[in-house]
Protein backbone atom coordinates (compact mmCIF):
# COMPACT_ATOMS: atom_id res chain seq x y z
CA UNK A 1 -5.60 1.57 -13.11
CA UNK A 2 -5.36 -2.02 -14.35
CA UNK A 3 -8.76 -3.74 -14.53
CA UNK A 4 -7.89 -6.68 -12.26
CA UNK A 5 -6.62 -4.29 -9.58
CA UNK A 6 -9.75 -2.12 -9.89
CA UNK A 7 -11.88 -5.26 -9.57
CA UNK A 8 -9.96 -6.30 -6.44
CA UNK A 9 -10.62 -2.88 -4.88
CA UNK A 10 -14.27 -2.83 -5.92
CA UNK A 11 -14.91 -6.33 -4.54
CA UNK A 12 -13.54 -5.56 -1.07
CA UNK A 13 -16.69 -5.18 1.06
CA UNK A 14 -14.69 -4.22 4.16
CA UNK A 15 -12.13 -2.03 2.42
CA UNK A 16 -8.50 -2.39 1.41
CA UNK A 17 -5.26 -1.90 3.29
CA UNK A 18 -2.32 -0.75 1.17
CA UNK A 19 1.01 -1.88 2.62
CA UNK A 20 4.31 -0.65 1.19
CA UNK A 21 7.76 -0.25 2.68
CA UNK A 22 8.40 2.55 0.19
CA UNK A 23 11.16 2.66 -2.37
CA UNK A 24 14.15 2.52 -0.02
CA UNK A 25 13.20 -0.60 1.91
CA UNK A 26 12.31 -3.82 0.16
CA UNK A 27 9.62 -6.02 1.69
CA UNK A 28 11.45 -9.08 0.39
CA UNK A 29 14.40 -8.12 2.63
CA UNK A 30 12.32 -8.35 5.81
CA UNK A 31 13.61 -10.96 8.25
CA UNK A 32 11.42 -14.07 8.21
CA UNK A 33 10.15 -13.38 11.74
CA UNK A 34 8.96 -9.88 10.77
CA UNK A 35 7.42 -11.10 7.51
CA UNK A 36 5.56 -13.85 9.40
CA UNK A 37 4.30 -11.29 11.92
CA UNK A 38 2.77 -9.22 9.11
CA UNK A 39 1.34 -12.34 7.44
CA UNK A 40 -0.20 -13.47 10.71
CA UNK A 41 -1.75 -10.07 11.34
CA UNK A 42 -3.03 -9.68 7.76
CA UNK A 43 -4.54 -13.19 7.76
CA UNK A 44 -6.80 -12.22 10.69
CA UNK A 45 -8.25 -9.18 8.94
CA UNK A 46 -11.53 -9.09 7.06
CA UNK A 47 -10.02 -6.43 4.76
CA UNK A 48 -8.29 -7.08 1.48
CA UNK A 49 -4.58 -6.25 1.64
CA UNK A 50 -2.45 -4.94 -1.23
CA UNK A 51 1.22 -5.54 -0.47
CA UNK A 52 4.02 -4.00 -2.53
CA UNK A 53 6.16 -7.13 -2.72
CA UNK A 54 9.19 -7.28 -5.02
CA UNK A 55 8.97 -10.99 -5.89
CA UNK A 56 6.47 -13.25 -7.66
CA UNK A 57 5.76 -15.41 -4.61
CA UNK A 58 5.29 -14.94 -0.90
CA UNK A 59 5.56 -18.07 1.27
CA UNK A 60 2.51 -18.32 3.54
CA UNK A 61 0.53 -15.70 1.60
CA UNK A 62 -3.00 -15.46 3.05
CA UNK A 63 -5.96 -15.53 0.67
CA UNK A 64 -6.85 -11.90 1.46
CA UNK A 65 -3.41 -10.59 0.40
CA UNK A 66 -2.69 -9.54 -3.18
CA UNK A 67 0.90 -8.86 -4.22
CA UNK A 68 2.26 -6.33 -6.65
CA UNK A 69 5.85 -5.49 -7.59
CA UNK A 70 4.62 -2.03 -8.50
CA UNK A 71 1.25 -0.61 -7.49
CA UNK A 72 -0.23 2.76 -8.54
CA UNK A 73 -0.23 4.30 -5.07
CA UNK A 74 -1.93 7.56 -5.98
CA UNK A 75 -4.73 5.70 -7.79
CA UNK A 76 -5.18 3.31 -4.87
CA UNK A 77 -5.28 6.11 -2.30
CA UNK A 78 -7.86 8.15 -4.15
CA UNK A 79 -6.34 9.02 -7.51
CA UNK A 80 -5.04 12.38 -6.34
CA UNK A 81 -5.34 14.80 -3.46
CA UNK A 82 -5.52 17.96 -5.57
CA UNK A 83 -7.23 18.46 -8.93
CA UNK A 84 -4.46 20.70 -10.22
CA UNK A 85 -6.54 23.86 -10.54
CA UNK A 86 -5.04 27.23 -9.83
CA UNK A 87 -4.83 28.74 -6.36
CA UNK A 88 -8.26 29.81 -5.16
CA UNK A 89 -10.08 27.34 -7.38
CA UNK A 90 -11.99 24.33 -6.18
CA UNK A 91 -9.92 21.39 -5.08
CA UNK A 92 -10.66 17.91 -3.91
CA UNK A 93 -9.11 16.14 -0.96
CA UNK A 94 -9.60 12.46 -0.22
CA UNK A 95 -9.67 11.88 3.52
CA UNK A 96 -8.15 8.50 4.25
CA UNK A 97 -7.09 6.88 7.49
CA UNK A 98 -3.34 6.48 7.09
CA UNK A 99 -0.70 5.03 9.34
CA UNK A 100 2.87 5.82 8.40
CA UNK A 101 6.12 4.80 9.97
CA UNK A 102 9.16 6.67 8.75
CA UNK A 103 12.49 4.93 8.72
CA UNK A 104 15.57 6.86 9.65
CA UNK A 105 17.35 5.97 6.39
CA UNK A 106 14.42 7.35 4.40
CA UNK A 107 14.36 10.61 6.35
CA UNK A 108 18.12 11.01 6.04
CA UNK A 109 18.01 10.60 2.26
CA UNK A 110 15.12 13.04 1.92
CA UNK A 111 16.45 15.86 4.02
CA UNK A 112 20.20 15.91 3.70
């Protein structure tokens, strides 16, 4: 993981929220009203927020929000969920509170 990103994670006393619309939906395509709703909500949090944002700037970006065009999701969420050992060997699971919202277009592309 890049050093400045690791530092951002390490210096978050109240934790970090990772926000990504995935690969099929671009955050930059959000309607202004929706984007402003997220910005308003994020600005009220004591947490640091990492937002997968596909542009260099975000109008109204709160000080607790860090942008990234690409972010190493597996590293951010605990590096990995399984150590890769054979079946029956020790394995490691990172228990994280996650909130996911699936979009119909994403599900359609995955399961057709």
